[in-house]
C-alpha atoms as a PDB file:
ATOM      1  CA  MET A   1      -4.889   4.060 -75.531  1.00  0.00           C
ATOM      2  CA  LYS A   2      -1.260   4.422 -74.529  1.00  0.00           C
ATOM      3  CA  ASN A   3       1.556   3.559 -76.945  1.00  0.00           C
ATOM      4  CA  ASN A   4       3.829   0.932 -75.321  1.00  0.00           C
ATOM      5  CA  ARG A   5       6.464   0.800 -78.082  1.00  0.00           C
ATOM      6  CA  PRO A   6       9.948   1.935 -76.995  1.00  0.00           C
ATOM      7  CA  SER A   7      11.177   5.073 -78.671  1.00  0.00           C
ATOM      8  CA  ASN A   8      13.557   4.940 -81.599  1.00  0.00           C
ATOM      9  CA  THR A   9      16.214   6.564 -79.411  1.00  0.00           C
ATOM     10  CA  ILE A  10      16.288   3.592 -77.032  1.00  0.00           C
ATOM     11  CA  ILE A  11      16.400   1.108 -79.914  1.00  0.00           C
ATOM     12  CA  ASN A  12      19.179   3.055 -81.630  1.00  0.00           C
ATOM     13  CA  ALA A  13      21.188   3.244 -78.404  1.00  0.00           C
ATOM     14  CA  PHE A  14      20.832  -0.516 -77.908  1.00  0.00           C
ATOM     15  CA  LEU A  15      21.895  -1.221 -81.497  1.00  0.00           C
ATOM     16  CA  LEU A  16      24.879   1.097 -81.066  1.00  0.00           C
ATOM     17  CA  VAL A  17      25.987  -0.806 -77.951  1.00  0.00           C
ATOM     18  CA  VAL A  18      25.570  -4.175 -79.708  1.00  0.00           C
ATOM     19  CA  ALA A  19      27.490  -2.962 -82.785  1.00  0.00           C
ATOM     20  CA  SER A  20      30.283  -1.523 -80.613  1.00  0.00           C
ATOM     21  CA  LEU A  21      30.615  -4.797 -78.714  1.00  0.00           C
ATOM     22  CA  ALA A  22      30.725  -6.788 -81.955  1.00  0.00           C
ATOM     23  CA  ILE A  23      33.432  -4.530 -83.408  1.00  0.00           C
ATOM     24  CA  TYR A  24      35.448  -4.820 -80.184  1.00  0.00           C
ATOM     25  CA  LEU A  25      35.225  -8.627 -80.175  1.00  0.00           C
ATOM     26  CA  VAL A  26      36.213  -8.934 -83.842  1.00  0.00           C
ATOM     27  CA  GLY A  27      39.144  -6.562 -83.273  1.00  0.00           C
ATOM     28  CA  ALA A  28      40.285  -8.487 -80.206  1.00  0.00           C
ATOM     29  CA  LEU A  29      40.151 -11.742 -82.165  1.00  0.00           C
ATOM     30  CA  ILE A  30      42.197 -10.297 -85.032  1.00  0.00           C
ATOM     31  CA  ILE A  31      44.805  -8.783 -82.694  1.00  0.00           C
ATOM     32  CA  SER A  32      45.058 -12.077 -80.801  1.00  0.00           C
ATOM     33  CA  GLY A  33      45.767 -13.880 -84.064  1.00  0.00           C
ATOM     34  CA  PHE A  34      48.460 -11.376 -85.005  1.00  0.00           C
ATOM     35  CA  GLN A  35      50.120 -11.721 -81.606  1.00  0.00           C
ATOM     36  CA  HIS A  36      50.193 -15.510 -81.939  1.00  0.00           C
ATOM     37  CA  THR A  37      51.700 -15.236 -85.437  1.00  0.00           C
ATOM     38  CA  ASN A  38      54.283 -12.706 -84.259  1.00  0.00           C
ATOM     39  CA  LYS A  39      55.346 -14.996 -81.406  1.00  0.00           C
ATOM     40  CA  LYS A  40      55.868 -17.876 -83.834  1.00  0.00           C
ATOM     41  CA  ILE A  41      57.874 -15.671 -86.214  1.00  0.00           C
ATOM     42  CA  PHE A  42      59.972 -14.284 -83.348  1.00  0.00           C
ATOM     43  CA  LYS A  43      60.755 -17.759 -81.984  1.00  0.00           C
ATOM     44  CA  GLN A  44      61.776 -18.928 -85.447  1.00  0.00           C
ATOM     45  CA  LEU A  45      63.964 -15.844 -85.894  1.00  0.00           C
ATOM     46  CA  VAL A  46      65.695 -16.443 -82.552  1.00  0.00           C
ATOM     47  CA  VAL A  47      66.452 -20.051 -83.520  1.00  0.00           C
ATOM     48  CA  GLN A  48      67.877 -18.918 -86.861  1.00  0.00           C
ATOM     49  CA  VAL A  49      70.098 -16.302 -85.197  1.00  0.00           C
ATOM     50  CA  GLU A  50      71.296 -18.848 -82.643  1.00  0.00           C
ATOM     51  CA  ASN A  51      72.162 -21.280 -85.426  1.00  0.00           C
ATOM     52  CA  GLN A  52      74.022 -18.594 -87.370  1.00  0.00           C
ATOM     53  CA  LEU A  53      76.010 -17.569 -84.291  1.00  0.00           C
ATOM     54  CA  ASN A  54      76.816 -21.188 -83.547  1.00  0.00           C
ATOM     55  CA  ASN A  55      78.010 -21.731 -87.133  1.00  0.00           C
ATOM     56  CA  ILE A  56      80.216 -18.632 -87.071  1.00  0.00           C
ATOM     57  CA  SER A  57      82.013 -19.419 -83.852  1.00  0.00           C
ATOM     58  CA  PRO A  58      80.803 -22.344 -81.732  1.00  0.00           C
ATOM     59  CA  SER A  59      83.408 -21.788 -79.032  1.00  0.00           C
ATOM     60  CA  ILE A  60      82.443 -18.139 -78.433  1.00  0.00           C
ATOM     61  CA  TYR A  61      78.704 -18.719 -78.710  1.00  0.00           C
ATOM     62  CA  ASN A  62      78.661 -21.701 -76.349  1.00  0.00           C
ATOM     63  CA  GLY A  63      80.865 -19.927 -73.857  1.00  0.00           C
ATOM     64  CA  LYS A  64      83.720 -22.453 -74.083  1.00  0.00           C
END
């Protein structure tokens, strides 16, 4: 009788591909979260700098 089970090599290769895909997706999710947070921080920083410049010299900052 012939053995129809796939070899361990094929199973291991499949598991390696699945694990690699899972690691990639988790990494992409984490990086996406960091990018969103960095955008929020950067926007807040720009607003703070604009306010500081406006407080120092409104006429120069506003171009008047």
